[in-house]
ModelCIF file with pLDDT and N, C-alpha, C, O atoms, coordinates in Angstrom:
data_MODEL
#
_entry.id   MODEL 
#
_entity.id                         1 
_entity.type                       polymer 
_entity.pdbx_number_of_molecules   1 
#
_entity_poly.entity_id                      1 
_entity_poly.type                           'polypeptide(L)' 
_entity_poly.nstd_linkage                   no 
_entity_poly.nstd_monomer                   no 
_entity_poly.pdbx_seq_one_letter_code       KVKVVHFDAYDDSCYQSMVDTVMQQEGHLDILVNNFGT 
_entity_poly.pdbx_seq_one_letter_code_can   KVKVVHFDAYDDSCYQSMVDTVMQQEGHLDILVNNFGT 
_entity_poly.pdbx_strand_id                 A 
#
loop_
_entity_poly_seq.entity_id 
_entity_poly_seq.num 
_entity_poly_seq.mon_id 
_entity_poly_seq.hetero 
1 1  LYS n 
1 2  VAL n 
1 3  LYS n 
1 4  VAL n 
1 5  VAL n 
1 6  HIS n 
1 7  PHE n 
1 8  ASP n 
1 9  ALA n 
1 10 TYR n 
1 11 ASP n 
1 12 ASP n 
1 13 SER n 
1 14 CYS n 
1 15 TYR n 
1 16 GLN n 
1 17 SER n 
1 18 MET n 
1 19 VAL n 
1 20 ASP n 
1 21 THR n 
1 22 VAL n 
1 23 MET n 
1 24 GLN n 
1 25 GLN n 
1 26 GLU n 
1 27 GLY n 
1 28 HIS n 
1 29 LEU n 
1 30 ASP n 
1 31 ILE n 
1 32 LEU n 
1 33 VAL n 
1 34 ASN n 
1 35 ASN n 
1 36 PHE n 
1 37 GLY n 
1 38 THR n 
#
_struct_asym.id          A 
_struct_asym.entity_id   1 
#
loop_
_ma_qa_metric.id 
_ma_qa_metric.mode 
_ma_qa_metric.name 
_ma_qa_metric.software_group_id 
_ma_qa_metric.type 
1 global pLDDT . pLDDT 
2 local  pLDDT . pLDDT 
#
_ma_qa_metric_global.metric_id      1 
_ma_qa_metric_global.metric_value   97.37 
_ma_qa_metric_global.model_id       1 
_ma_qa_metric_global.ordinal_id     1 
#
loop_
_ma_qa_metric_local.label_asym_id 
_ma_qa_metric_local.label_comp_id 
_ma_qa_metric_local.label_seq_id 
_ma_qa_metric_local.metric_id 
_ma_qa_metric_local.metric_value 
_ma_qa_metric_local.model_id 
_ma_qa_metric_local.ordinal_id 
A LYS 1  2 98.00 1 1  
A VAL 2  2 98.00 1 2  
A LYS 3  2 98.00 1 3  
A VAL 4  2 98.00 1 4  
A VAL 5  2 98.00 1 5  
A HIS 6  2 97.00 1 6  
A PHE 7  2 97.00 1 7  
A ASP 8  2 97.00 1 8  
A ALA 9  2 96.00 1 9  
A TYR 10 2 97.00 1 10 
A ASP 11 2 97.00 1 11 
A ASP 12 2 97.00 1 12 
A SER 13 2 97.00 1 13 
A CYS 14 2 97.00 1 14 
A TYR 15 2 98.00 1 15 
A GLN 16 2 98.00 1 16 
A SER 17 2 98.00 1 17 
A MET 18 2 98.00 1 18 
A VAL 19 2 98.00 1 19 
A ASP 20 2 98.00 1 20 
A THR 21 2 98.00 1 21 
A VAL 22 2 98.00 1 22 
A MET 23 2 98.00 1 23 
A GLN 24 2 98.00 1 24 
A GLN 25 2 98.00 1 25 
A GLU 26 2 98.00 1 26 
A GLY 27 2 97.00 1 27 
A HIS 28 2 97.00 1 28 
A LEU 29 2 98.00 1 29 
A ASP 30 2 98.00 1 30 
A ILE 31 2 98.00 1 31 
A LEU 32 2 98.00 1 32 
A VAL 33 2 98.00 1 33 
A ASN 34 2 98.00 1 34 
A ASN 35 2 97.00 1 35 
A PHE 36 2 97.00 1 36 
A GLY 37 2 94.00 1 37 
A THR 38 2 92.00 1 38 
#
loop_
_atom_site.group_PDB 
_atom_site.id 
_atom_site.type_symbol 
_atom_site.label_atom_id 
_atom_site.label_alt_id 
_atom_site.label_comp_id 
_atom_site.label_asym_id 
_atom_site.label_entity_id 
_atom_site.label_seq_id 
_atom_site.pdbx_PDB_ins_code 
_atom_site.Cartn_x 
_atom_site.Cartn_y 
_atom_site.Cartn_z 
_atom_site.occupancy 
_atom_site.B_iso_or_equiv 
_atom_site.pdbx_formal_charge 
_atom_site.auth_seq_id 
_atom_site.auth_comp_id 
_atom_site.auth_asym_id 
_atom_site.auth_atom_id 
_atom_site.pdbx_PDB_model_num 
ATOM 1   N N  . LYS A 1 1  ? 12.982 9.295  3.587   1.00 98.00 ? 1  LYS A N  1 
ATOM 2   C CA . LYS A 1 1  ? 12.624 8.036  4.251   1.00 98.00 ? 1  LYS A CA 1 
ATOM 3   C C  . LYS A 1 1  ? 11.592 7.351  3.359   1.00 98.00 ? 1  LYS A C  1 
ATOM 4   O O  . LYS A 1 1  ? 10.385 7.456  3.577   1.00 98.00 ? 1  LYS A O  1 
ATOM 5   N N  . VAL A 1 2  ? 12.099 6.647  2.351   1.00 98.00 ? 2  VAL A N  1 
ATOM 6   C CA . VAL A 1 2  ? 11.245 6.054  1.326   1.00 98.00 ? 2  VAL A CA 1 
ATOM 7   C C  . VAL A 1 2  ? 11.420 4.546  1.338   1.00 98.00 ? 2  VAL A C  1 
ATOM 8   O O  . VAL A 1 2  ? 12.542 4.039  1.342   1.00 98.00 ? 2  VAL A O  1 
ATOM 9   N N  . LYS A 1 3  ? 10.311 3.843  1.342   1.00 98.00 ? 3  LYS A N  1 
ATOM 10  C CA . LYS A 1 3  ? 10.306 2.380  1.344   1.00 98.00 ? 3  LYS A CA 1 
ATOM 11  C C  . LYS A 1 3  ? 9.437  1.884  0.201   1.00 98.00 ? 3  LYS A C  1 
ATOM 12  O O  . LYS A 1 3  ? 8.751  2.664  -0.458  1.00 98.00 ? 3  LYS A O  1 
ATOM 13  N N  . VAL A 1 4  ? 9.474  0.587  -0.023  1.00 98.00 ? 4  VAL A N  1 
ATOM 14  C CA . VAL A 1 4  ? 8.778  -0.009 -1.163  1.00 98.00 ? 4  VAL A CA 1 
ATOM 15  C C  . VAL A 1 4  ? 7.846  -1.104 -0.680  1.00 98.00 ? 4  VAL A C  1 
ATOM 16  O O  . VAL A 1 4  ? 8.183  -1.871 0.223   1.00 98.00 ? 4  VAL A O  1 
ATOM 17  N N  . VAL A 1 5  ? 6.669  -1.171 -1.291  1.00 98.00 ? 5  VAL A N  1 
ATOM 18  C CA . VAL A 1 5  ? 5.722  -2.237 -0.997  1.00 98.00 ? 5  VAL A CA 1 
ATOM 19  C C  . VAL A 1 5  ? 5.111  -2.709 -2.313  1.00 98.00 ? 5  VAL A C  1 
ATOM 20  O O  . VAL A 1 5  ? 4.899  -1.914 -3.228  1.00 98.00 ? 5  VAL A O  1 
ATOM 21  N N  . HIS A 1 6  ? 4.834  -3.993 -2.400  1.00 97.00 ? 6  HIS A N  1 
ATOM 22  C CA . HIS A 1 6  ? 4.330  -4.549 -3.662  1.00 97.00 ? 6  HIS A CA 1 
ATOM 23  C C  . HIS A 1 6  ? 2.893  -4.121 -3.908  1.00 97.00 ? 6  HIS A C  1 
ATOM 24  O O  . HIS A 1 6  ? 2.053  -4.120 -3.008  1.00 97.00 ? 6  HIS A O  1 
ATOM 25  N N  . PHE A 1 7  ? 2.642  -3.753 -5.176  1.00 97.00 ? 7  PHE A N  1 
ATOM 26  C CA . PHE A 1 7  ? 1.300  -3.340 -5.580  1.00 97.00 ? 7  PHE A CA 1 
ATOM 27  C C  . PHE A 1 7  ? 1.078  -3.719 -7.035  1.00 97.00 ? 7  PHE A C  1 
ATOM 28  O O  . PHE A 1 7  ? 1.881  -3.384 -7.905  1.00 97.00 ? 7  PHE A O  1 
ATOM 29  N N  . ASP A 1 8  ? -0.013 -4.415 -7.286  1.00 97.00 ? 8  ASP A N  1 
ATOM 30  C CA . ASP A 1 8  ? -0.439 -4.744 -8.644  1.00 97.00 ? 8  ASP A CA 1 
ATOM 31  C C  . ASP A 1 8  ? -1.915 -4.372 -8.734  1.00 97.00 ? 8  ASP A C  1 
ATOM 32  O O  . ASP A 1 8  ? -2.765 -5.017 -8.121  1.00 97.00 ? 8  ASP A O  1 
ATOM 33  N N  . ALA A 1 9  ? -2.209 -3.334 -9.495  1.00 96.00 ? 9  ALA A N  1 
ATOM 34  C CA . ALA A 1 9  ? -3.572 -2.800 -9.540  1.00 96.00 ? 9  ALA A CA 1 
ATOM 35  C C  . ALA A 1 9  ? -4.591 -3.836 -9.983  1.00 96.00 ? 9  ALA A C  1 
ATOM 36  O O  . ALA A 1 9  ? -5.774 -3.708 -9.667  1.00 96.00 ? 9  ALA A O  1 
ATOM 37  N N  . TYR A 1 10 ? -4.159 -4.860 -10.708 1.00 97.00 ? 10 TYR A N  1 
ATOM 38  C CA . TYR A 1 10 ? -5.081 -5.859 -11.227 1.00 97.00 ? 10 TYR A CA 1 
ATOM 39  C C  . TYR A 1 10 ? -5.297 -7.019 -10.253 1.00 97.00 ? 10 TYR A C  1 
ATOM 40  O O  . TYR A 1 10 ? -6.132 -7.889 -10.505 1.00 97.00 ? 10 TYR A O  1 
ATOM 41  N N  . ASP A 1 11 ? -4.563 -7.040 -9.159  1.00 97.00 ? 11 ASP A N  1 
ATOM 42  C CA . ASP A 1 11 ? -4.665 -8.101 -8.158  1.00 97.00 ? 11 ASP A CA 1 
ATOM 43  C C  . ASP A 1 11 ? -5.442 -7.565 -6.961  1.00 97.00 ? 11 ASP A C  1 
ATOM 44  O O  . ASP A 1 11 ? -4.927 -6.745 -6.201  1.00 97.00 ? 11 ASP A O  1 
ATOM 45  N N  . ASP A 1 12 ? -6.664 -8.021 -6.793  1.00 97.00 ? 12 ASP A N  1 
ATOM 46  C CA . ASP A 1 12 ? -7.530 -7.483 -5.734  1.00 97.00 ? 12 ASP A CA 1 
ATOM 47  C C  . ASP A 1 12 ? -6.916 -7.619 -4.346  1.00 97.00 ? 12 ASP A C  1 
ATOM 48  O O  . ASP A 1 12 ? -7.150 -6.771 -3.485  1.00 97.00 ? 12 ASP A O  1 
ATOM 49  N N  . SER A 1 13 ? -6.139 -8.667 -4.117  1.00 97.00 ? 13 SER A N  1 
ATOM 50  C CA . SER A 1 13 ? -5.588 -8.913 -2.786  1.00 97.00 ? 13 SER A CA 1 
ATOM 51  C C  . SER A 1 13 ? -4.494 -7.914 -2.418  1.00 97.00 ? 13 SER A C  1 
ATOM 52  O O  . SER A 1 13 ? -4.178 -7.748 -1.240  1.00 97.00 ? 13 SER A O  1 
ATOM 53  N N  . CYS A 1 14 ? -3.915 -7.249 -3.413  1.00 97.00 ? 14 CYS A N  1 
ATOM 54  C CA . CYS A 1 14 ? -2.782 -6.355 -3.147  1.00 97.00 ? 14 CYS A CA 1 
ATOM 55  C C  . CYS A 1 14 ? -3.181 -5.121 -2.347  1.00 97.00 ? 14 CYS A C  1 
ATOM 56  O O  . CYS A 1 14 ? -2.359 -4.564 -1.620  1.00 97.00 ? 14 CYS A O  1 
ATOM 57  N N  . TYR A 1 15 ? -4.415 -4.694 -2.470  1.00 98.00 ? 15 TYR A N  1 
ATOM 58  C CA . TYR A 1 15 ? -4.822 -3.456 -1.808  1.00 98.00 ? 15 TYR A CA 1 
ATOM 59  C C  . TYR A 1 15 ? -4.775 -3.597 -0.293  1.00 98.00 ? 15 TYR A C  1 
ATOM 60  O O  . TYR A 1 15 ? -4.230 -2.741 0.404   1.00 98.00 ? 15 TYR A O  1 
ATOM 61  N N  . GLN A 1 16 ? -5.345 -4.670 0.201   1.00 98.00 ? 16 GLN A N  1 
ATOM 62  C CA . GLN A 1 16 ? -5.299 -4.889 1.648   1.00 98.00 ? 16 GLN A CA 1 
ATOM 63  C C  . GLN A 1 16 ? -3.899 -5.256 2.104   1.00 98.00 ? 16 GLN A C  1 
ATOM 64  O O  . GLN A 1 16 ? -3.462 -4.824 3.170   1.00 98.00 ? 16 GLN A O  1 
ATOM 65  N N  . SER A 1 17 ? -3.190 -6.048 1.312   1.00 98.00 ? 17 SER A N  1 
ATOM 66  C CA . SER A 1 17 ? -1.864 -6.489 1.729   1.00 98.00 ? 17 SER A CA 1 
ATOM 67  C C  . SER A 1 17 ? -0.877 -5.329 1.814   1.00 98.00 ? 17 SER A C  1 
ATOM 68  O O  . SER A 1 17 ? -0.021 -5.314 2.698   1.00 98.00 ? 17 SER A O  1 
ATOM 69  N N  . MET A 1 18 ? -0.984 -4.357 0.910   1.00 98.00 ? 18 MET A N  1 
ATOM 70  C CA . MET A 1 18 ? -0.029 -3.237 0.988   1.00 98.00 ? 18 MET A CA 1 
ATOM 71  C C  . MET A 1 18 ? -0.301 -2.394 2.230   1.00 98.00 ? 18 MET A C  1 
ATOM 72  O O  . MET A 1 18 ? 0.634  -1.926 2.880   1.00 98.00 ? 18 MET A O  1 
ATOM 73  N N  . VAL A 1 19 ? -1.572 -2.198 2.562   1.00 98.00 ? 19 VAL A N  1 
ATOM 74  C CA . VAL A 1 19 ? -1.907 -1.451 3.779   1.00 98.00 ? 19 VAL A CA 1 
ATOM 75  C C  . VAL A 1 19 ? -1.462 -2.233 5.011   1.00 98.00 ? 19 VAL A C  1 
ATOM 76  O O  . VAL A 1 19 ? -0.929 -1.653 5.957   1.00 98.00 ? 19 VAL A O  1 
ATOM 77  N N  . ASP A 1 20 ? -1.677 -3.538 5.002   1.00 98.00 ? 20 ASP A N  1 
ATOM 78  C CA . ASP A 1 20 ? -1.248 -4.373 6.133   1.00 98.00 ? 20 ASP A CA 1 
ATOM 79  C C  . ASP A 1 20 ? 0.258  -4.290 6.336   1.00 98.00 ? 20 ASP A C  1 
ATOM 80  O O  . ASP A 1 20 ? 0.734  -4.226 7.469   1.00 98.00 ? 20 ASP A O  1 
ATOM 81  N N  . THR A 1 21 ? 1.004  -4.290 5.243   1.00 98.00 ? 21 THR A N  1 
ATOM 82  C CA . THR A 1 21 ? 2.465  -4.202 5.334   1.00 98.00 ? 21 THR A CA 1 
ATOM 83  C C  . THR A 1 21 ? 2.888  -2.895 5.988   1.00 98.00 ? 21 THR A C  1 
ATOM 84  O O  . THR A 1 21 ? 3.747  -2.887 6.870   1.00 98.00 ? 21 THR A O  1 
ATOM 85  N N  . VAL A 1 22 ? 2.287  -1.792 5.557   1.00 98.00 ? 22 VAL A N  1 
ATOM 86  C CA . VAL A 1 22 ? 2.607  -0.493 6.146   1.00 98.00 ? 22 VAL A CA 1 
ATOM 87  C C  . VAL A 1 22 ? 2.272  -0.482 7.635   1.00 98.00 ? 22 VAL A C  1 
ATOM 88  O O  . VAL A 1 22 ? 3.060  0.009  8.443   1.00 98.00 ? 22 VAL A O  1 
ATOM 89  N N  . MET A 1 23 ? 1.123  -1.013 7.997   1.00 98.00 ? 23 MET A N  1 
ATOM 90  C CA . MET A 1 23 ? 0.711  -1.016 9.393   1.00 98.00 ? 23 MET A CA 1 
ATOM 91  C C  . MET A 1 23 ? 1.639  -1.880 10.243  1.00 98.00 ? 23 MET A C  1 
ATOM 92  O O  . MET A 1 23 ? 1.963  -1.516 11.374  1.00 98.00 ? 23 MET A O  1 
ATOM 93  N N  . GLN A 1 24 ? 2.069  -3.021 9.707   1.00 98.00 ? 24 GLN A N  1 
ATOM 94  C CA . GLN A 1 24 ? 2.977  -3.898 10.443  1.00 98.00 ? 24 GLN A CA 1 
ATOM 95  C C  . GLN A 1 24 ? 4.326  -3.229 10.685  1.00 98.00 ? 24 GLN A C  1 
ATOM 96  O O  . GLN A 1 24 ? 4.937  -3.408 11.738  1.00 98.00 ? 24 GLN A O  1 
ATOM 97  N N  . GLN A 1 25 ? 4.784  -2.454 9.698   1.00 98.00 ? 25 GLN A N  1 
ATOM 98  C CA . GLN A 1 25 ? 6.112  -1.865 9.800   1.00 98.00 ? 25 GLN A CA 1 
ATOM 99  C C  . GLN A 1 25 ? 6.119  -0.514 10.505  1.00 98.00 ? 25 GLN A C  1 
ATOM 100 O O  . GLN A 1 25 ? 7.099  -0.164 11.164  1.00 98.00 ? 25 GLN A O  1 
ATOM 101 N N  . GLU A 1 26 ? 5.033  0.250  10.371  1.00 98.00 ? 26 GLU A N  1 
ATOM 102 C CA . GLU A 1 26 ? 5.013  1.606  10.920  1.00 98.00 ? 26 GLU A CA 1 
ATOM 103 C C  . GLU A 1 26 ? 4.038  1.794  12.074  1.00 98.00 ? 26 GLU A C  1 
ATOM 104 O O  . GLU A 1 26 ? 4.220  2.677  12.913  1.00 98.00 ? 26 GLU A O  1 
ATOM 105 N N  . GLY A 1 27 ? 3.010  0.963  12.112  1.00 97.00 ? 27 GLY A N  1 
ATOM 106 C CA . GLY A 1 27 ? 2.021  1.093  13.177  1.00 97.00 ? 27 GLY A CA 1 
ATOM 107 C C  . GLY A 1 27 ? 0.924  2.095  12.896  1.00 97.00 ? 27 GLY A C  1 
ATOM 108 O O  . GLY A 1 27 ? -0.041 2.184  13.655  1.00 97.00 ? 27 GLY A O  1 
ATOM 109 N N  . HIS A 1 28 ? 1.055  2.853  11.815  1.00 97.00 ? 28 HIS A N  1 
ATOM 110 C CA . HIS A 1 28 ? 0.011  3.821  11.461  1.00 97.00 ? 28 HIS A CA 1 
ATOM 111 C C  . HIS A 1 28 ? 0.133  4.186  9.987   1.00 97.00 ? 28 HIS A C  1 
ATOM 112 O O  . HIS A 1 28 ? 1.217  4.145  9.405   1.00 97.00 ? 28 HIS A O  1 
ATOM 113 N N  . LEU A 1 29 ? -0.999 4.541  9.403   1.00 98.00 ? 29 LEU A N  1 
ATOM 114 C CA . LEU A 1 29 ? -1.060 5.050  8.035   1.00 98.00 ? 29 LEU A CA 1 
ATOM 115 C C  . LEU A 1 29 ? -1.832 6.360  8.086   1.00 98.00 ? 29 LEU A C  1 
ATOM 116 O O  . LEU A 1 29 ? -2.994 6.386  8.491   1.00 98.00 ? 29 LEU A O  1 
ATOM 117 N N  . ASP A 1 30 ? -1.188 7.443  7.676   1.00 98.00 ? 30 ASP A N  1 
ATOM 118 C CA . ASP A 1 30 ? -1.795 8.761  7.775   1.00 98.00 ? 30 ASP A CA 1 
ATOM 119 C C  . ASP A 1 30 ? -2.293 9.293  6.438   1.00 98.00 ? 30 ASP A C  1 
ATOM 120 O O  . ASP A 1 30 ? -3.238 10.082 6.393   1.00 98.00 ? 30 ASP A O  1 
ATOM 121 N N  . ILE A 1 31 ? -1.660 8.863  5.345   1.00 98.00 ? 31 ILE A N  1 
ATOM 122 C CA . ILE A 1 31 ? -1.971 9.422  4.029   1.00 98.00 ? 31 ILE A CA 1 
ATOM 123 C C  . ILE A 1 31 ? -1.996 8.295  2.997   1.00 98.00 ? 31 ILE A C  1 
ATOM 124 O O  . ILE A 1 31 ? -1.083 7.471  2.948   1.00 98.00 ? 31 ILE A O  1 
ATOM 125 N N  . LEU A 1 32 ? -3.024 8.264  2.191   1.00 98.00 ? 32 LEU A N  1 
ATOM 126 C CA . LEU A 1 32 ? -3.080 7.374  1.026   1.00 98.00 ? 32 LEU A CA 1 
ATOM 127 C C  . LEU A 1 32 ? -3.311 8.220  -0.210  1.00 98.00 ? 32 LEU A C  1 
ATOM 128 O O  . LEU A 1 32 ? -4.225 9.043  -0.244  1.00 98.00 ? 32 LEU A O  1 
ATOM 129 N N  . VAL A 1 33 ? -2.489 8.020  -1.221  1.00 98.00 ? 33 VAL A N  1 
ATOM 130 C CA . VAL A 1 33 ? -2.721 8.651  -2.513  1.00 98.00 ? 33 VAL A CA 1 
ATOM 131 C C  . VAL A 1 33 ? -3.061 7.563  -3.519  1.00 98.00 ? 33 VAL A C  1 
ATOM 132 O O  . VAL A 1 33 ? -2.214 6.744  -3.874  1.00 98.00 ? 33 VAL A O  1 
ATOM 133 N N  . ASN A 1 34 ? -4.305 7.562  -3.971  1.00 98.00 ? 34 ASN A N  1 
ATOM 134 C CA . ASN A 1 34 ? -4.743 6.635  -5.018  1.00 98.00 ? 34 ASN A CA 1 
ATOM 135 C C  . ASN A 1 34 ? -4.378 7.257  -6.369  1.00 98.00 ? 34 ASN A C  1 
ATOM 136 O O  . ASN A 1 34 ? -5.161 8.001  -6.960  1.00 98.00 ? 34 ASN A O  1 
ATOM 137 N N  . ASN A 1 35 ? -3.183 6.937  -6.834  1.00 97.00 ? 35 ASN A N  1 
ATOM 138 C CA . ASN A 1 35 ? -2.666 7.571  -8.046  1.00 97.00 ? 35 ASN A CA 1 
ATOM 139 C C  . ASN A 1 35 ? -2.857 6.722  -9.298  1.00 97.00 ? 35 ASN A C  1 
ATOM 140 O O  . ASN A 1 35 ? -2.841 7.250  -10.410 1.00 97.00 ? 35 ASN A O  1 
ATOM 141 N N  . PHE A 1 36 ? -3.034 5.425  -9.133  1.00 97.00 ? 36 PHE A N  1 
ATOM 142 C CA . PHE A 1 36 ? -3.130 4.561  -10.310 1.00 97.00 ? 36 PHE A CA 1 
ATOM 143 C C  . PHE A 1 36 ? -4.325 4.922  -11.187 1.00 97.00 ? 36 PHE A C  1 
ATOM 144 O O  . PHE A 1 36 ? -5.410 5.231  -10.695 1.00 97.00 ? 36 PHE A O  1 
ATOM 145 N N  . GLY A 1 37 ? -4.102 4.875  -12.477 1.00 94.00 ? 37 GLY A N  1 
ATOM 146 C CA . GLY A 1 37 ? -5.179 5.054  -13.449 1.00 94.00 ? 37 GLY A CA 1 
ATOM 147 C C  . GLY A 1 37 ? -4.661 4.659  -14.816 1.00 94.00 ? 37 GLY A C  1 
ATOM 148 O O  . GLY A 1 37 ? -3.478 4.833  -15.107 1.00 94.00 ? 37 GLY A O  1 
ATOM 149 N N  . THR A 1 38 ? -5.521 4.137  -15.644 1.00 92.00 ? 38 THR A N  1 
ATOM 150 C CA . THR A 1 38 ? -5.054 3.690  -16.953 1.00 92.00 ? 38 THR A CA 1 
ATOM 151 C C  . THR A 1 38 ? -6.116 3.936  -18.016 1.00 92.00 ? 38 THR A C  1 
ATOM 152 O O  . THR A 1 38 ? -5.901 3.622  -19.187 1.00 92.00 ? 38 THR A O  1 
#
């Protein structure tokens, strides 16, 4: 059960928007993995 949400590490607005998208579609967020690094 895999879905896609937009994320651009250099765009500050993306962090809140991706969480908002998950919450709108699922109603809850249980796990976040901050994997990005460069």
